[in-house]
Amino acid sequence: MGRRVVIDEERCEGHGRCYALAPELFEPDDLGQGLVVGSGVVPDGMEHQAELAVKNCPERAITIDEE
C-alpha cells in the first residue's frame, strides 16, 4: 500500500514551505501556491520529507493519504 500527498487548494496560501522542504514532492505554480509533483505518490525514502511538509504547512493544507 502506497502513500500519496494531497494539497487542499482552498486552504493553501502559498507560504512555500512544502516545496522548500520537499522539492521532489511539491513545486510552486505561477503564483507561488504549492502543487503536487506528478501523481503525488511518495517514493520510498521520501516519507520523512512528506511528513515534514505536512507538519510545517501553516494552513494544514497538506495531507498524506494511504492508497
N, C-alpha and C. Protein backbone atom coordinates (compact mmCIF):
# COMPACT_ATOMS: atom_id res chain seq x y z
N MET A 1 0.85 -1.18 0.00
CA MET A 1 0.00 0.00 0.00
C MET A 1 0.90 1.24 0.00
N GLY A 2 0.64 2.19 -0.92
CA GLY A 2 1.45 3.39 -1.04
C GLY A 2 0.84 4.57 -0.32
N ARG A 3 1.62 5.62 -0.27
CA ARG A 3 1.17 6.87 0.33
C ARG A 3 1.20 7.94 -0.74
N ARG A 4 0.28 8.88 -0.62
CA ARG A 4 0.14 9.94 -1.61
C ARG A 4 -0.09 11.27 -0.91
N VAL A 5 0.65 12.31 -1.32
CA VAL A 5 0.44 13.65 -0.76
C VAL A 5 -0.63 14.37 -1.56
N VAL A 6 -1.43 15.16 -0.83
CA VAL A 6 -2.52 15.92 -1.43
C VAL A 6 -2.50 17.32 -0.84
N ILE A 7 -2.71 18.33 -1.69
CA ILE A 7 -2.83 19.72 -1.22
C ILE A 7 -4.26 20.18 -1.41
N ASP A 8 -4.85 20.72 -0.36
CA ASP A 8 -6.18 21.34 -0.44
C ASP A 8 -5.97 22.75 -0.99
N GLU A 9 -6.30 22.93 -2.25
CA GLU A 9 -6.07 24.21 -2.92
C GLU A 9 -6.84 25.36 -2.29
N GLU A 10 -7.95 25.06 -1.65
CA GLU A 10 -8.75 26.09 -0.99
C GLU A 10 -8.02 26.65 0.24
N ARG A 11 -7.22 25.82 0.89
CA ARG A 11 -6.53 26.23 2.11
C ARG A 11 -5.13 26.79 1.87
N CYS A 12 -4.48 26.37 0.80
CA CYS A 12 -3.10 26.78 0.52
C CYS A 12 -3.05 28.29 0.30
N GLU A 13 -2.11 28.95 1.00
CA GLU A 13 -1.92 30.40 0.84
C GLU A 13 -0.55 30.74 0.28
N GLY A 14 0.21 29.72 -0.15
CA GLY A 14 1.45 29.98 -0.86
C GLY A 14 2.66 30.34 -0.02
N HIS A 15 2.74 29.82 1.19
CA HIS A 15 3.92 30.10 2.01
C HIS A 15 5.18 29.43 1.46
N GLY A 16 5.01 28.33 0.73
CA GLY A 16 6.14 27.69 0.06
C GLY A 16 6.96 26.73 0.91
N ARG A 17 6.52 26.45 2.10
CA ARG A 17 7.28 25.54 2.94
C ARG A 17 7.33 24.14 2.37
N CYS A 18 6.24 23.71 1.73
CA CYS A 18 6.20 22.35 1.18
C CYS A 18 7.28 22.16 0.12
N TYR A 19 7.36 23.07 -0.85
CA TYR A 19 8.36 22.88 -1.89
C TYR A 19 9.76 23.25 -1.44
N ALA A 20 9.90 24.01 -0.37
CA ALA A 20 11.23 24.26 0.19
C ALA A 20 11.75 23.01 0.92
N LEU A 21 10.86 22.32 1.62
CA LEU A 21 11.25 21.13 2.39
C LEU A 21 11.30 19.86 1.56
N ALA A 22 10.46 19.77 0.54
CA ALA A 22 10.36 18.54 -0.25
C ALA A 22 10.17 18.87 -1.73
N PRO A 23 11.20 19.42 -2.38
CA PRO A 23 11.04 19.81 -3.78
C PRO A 23 10.81 18.63 -4.72
N GLU A 24 11.10 17.42 -4.27
CA GLU A 24 10.82 16.24 -5.08
C GLU A 24 9.32 15.91 -5.10
N LEU A 25 8.59 16.43 -4.10
CA LEU A 25 7.16 16.13 -3.97
C LEU A 25 6.25 17.30 -4.31
N PHE A 26 6.78 18.53 -4.19
CA PHE A 26 5.96 19.74 -4.40
C PHE A 26 6.73 20.74 -5.23
N GLU A 27 5.96 21.59 -5.93
CA GLU A 27 6.55 22.68 -6.70
C GLU A 27 5.60 23.87 -6.66
N PRO A 28 6.11 25.07 -6.92
CA PRO A 28 5.23 26.23 -6.93
C PRO A 28 4.54 26.39 -8.28
N ASP A 29 3.32 26.95 -8.25
CA ASP A 29 2.69 27.35 -9.51
C ASP A 29 3.14 28.78 -9.81
N ASP A 30 2.56 29.40 -10.80
CA ASP A 30 2.97 30.76 -11.21
C ASP A 30 2.75 31.81 -10.13
N LEU A 31 1.85 31.52 -9.17
CA LEU A 31 1.55 32.47 -8.10
C LEU A 31 2.21 32.10 -6.77
N GLY A 32 2.99 31.01 -6.77
CA GLY A 32 3.65 30.58 -5.55
C GLY A 32 2.86 29.59 -4.71
N GLN A 33 1.67 29.22 -5.18
CA GLN A 33 0.89 28.20 -4.48
C GLN A 33 1.56 26.85 -4.68
N GLY A 34 1.43 25.97 -3.68
CA GLY A 34 2.02 24.64 -3.78
C GLY A 34 1.24 23.73 -4.71
N LEU A 35 1.98 22.97 -5.50
CA LEU A 35 1.41 21.95 -6.37
C LEU A 35 2.09 20.62 -6.08
N VAL A 36 1.34 19.56 -6.16
CA VAL A 36 1.92 18.23 -6.00
C VAL A 36 2.60 17.86 -7.31
N VAL A 37 3.81 17.32 -7.22
CA VAL A 37 4.54 16.87 -8.40
C VAL A 37 3.97 15.52 -8.84
N GLY A 38 3.67 15.40 -10.12
CA GLY A 38 3.17 14.14 -10.66
C GLY A 38 1.87 13.70 -10.01
N SER A 39 1.80 12.41 -9.69
CA SER A 39 0.58 11.85 -9.11
C SER A 39 0.52 12.01 -7.60
N GLY A 40 1.61 12.49 -7.00
CA GLY A 40 1.64 12.67 -5.55
C GLY A 40 2.08 11.45 -4.77
N VAL A 41 2.37 10.36 -5.47
CA VAL A 41 2.83 9.15 -4.78
C VAL A 41 4.19 9.44 -4.14
N VAL A 42 4.30 9.10 -2.86
CA VAL A 42 5.53 9.34 -2.11
C VAL A 42 6.49 8.16 -2.37
N PRO A 43 7.61 8.43 -3.04
CA PRO A 43 8.56 7.35 -3.32
C PRO A 43 9.20 6.83 -2.04
N ASP A 44 9.65 5.59 -2.09
CA ASP A 44 10.38 5.02 -0.95
C ASP A 44 11.53 5.95 -0.59
N GLY A 45 11.71 6.19 0.68
CA GLY A 45 12.77 7.06 1.17
C GLY A 45 12.38 8.51 1.30
N MET A 46 11.19 8.89 0.81
CA MET A 46 10.76 10.29 0.87
C MET A 46 9.67 10.51 1.92
N GLU A 47 9.38 9.49 2.72
CA GLU A 47 8.31 9.59 3.71
C GLU A 47 8.57 10.71 4.71
N HIS A 48 9.82 10.85 5.16
CA HIS A 48 10.16 11.87 6.15
C HIS A 48 9.91 13.28 5.59
N GLN A 49 10.31 13.52 4.33
CA GLN A 49 10.10 14.83 3.72
C GLN A 49 8.61 15.13 3.58
N ALA A 50 7.82 14.11 3.22
CA ALA A 50 6.37 14.31 3.10
C ALA A 50 5.78 14.69 4.45
N GLU A 51 6.20 14.00 5.50
CA GLU A 51 5.68 14.30 6.84
C GLU A 51 6.12 15.69 7.30
N LEU A 52 7.35 16.09 6.98
CA LEU A 52 7.81 17.45 7.32
C LEU A 52 6.94 18.51 6.64
N ALA A 53 6.61 18.28 5.39
CA ALA A 53 5.77 19.23 4.67
C ALA A 53 4.40 19.34 5.34
N VAL A 54 3.82 18.21 5.72
CA VAL A 54 2.52 18.22 6.40
C VAL A 54 2.61 19.01 7.70
N LYS A 55 3.62 18.72 8.50
CA LYS A 55 3.76 19.36 9.82
C LYS A 55 4.09 20.84 9.74
N ASN A 56 4.72 21.28 8.64
CA ASN A 56 5.16 22.67 8.54
C ASN A 56 4.24 23.56 7.73
N CYS A 57 3.13 23.04 7.23
CA CYS A 57 2.18 23.86 6.49
C CYS A 57 1.33 24.65 7.48
N PRO A 58 1.42 25.99 7.47
CA PRO A 58 0.66 26.80 8.42
C PRO A 58 -0.85 26.64 8.30
N GLU A 59 -1.34 26.37 7.11
CA GLU A 59 -2.78 26.24 6.89
C GLU A 59 -3.29 24.80 7.04
N ARG A 60 -2.37 23.87 7.27
CA ARG A 60 -2.73 22.44 7.34
C ARG A 60 -3.42 22.01 6.05
N ALA A 61 -2.87 22.49 4.92
CA ALA A 61 -3.46 22.21 3.60
C ALA A 61 -2.96 20.90 3.00
N ILE A 62 -1.94 20.29 3.61
CA ILE A 62 -1.36 19.07 3.05
C ILE A 62 -1.74 17.87 3.90
N THR A 63 -2.13 16.81 3.22
CA THR A 63 -2.41 15.56 3.90
C THR A 63 -1.68 14.43 3.17
N ILE A 64 -1.51 13.32 3.87
CA ILE A 64 -0.96 12.11 3.27
C ILE A 64 -2.05 11.07 3.33
N ASP A 65 -2.44 10.58 2.17
CA ASP A 65 -3.49 9.56 2.07
C ASP A 65 -2.84 8.20 1.83
N GLU A 66 -3.40 7.19 2.42
CA GLU A 66 -2.97 5.82 2.16
C GLU A 66 -3.73 5.31 0.95
N GLU A 67 -3.02 4.72 0.02
CA GLU A 67 -3.68 4.18 -1.19
C GLU A 67 -4.11 2.76 -0.96
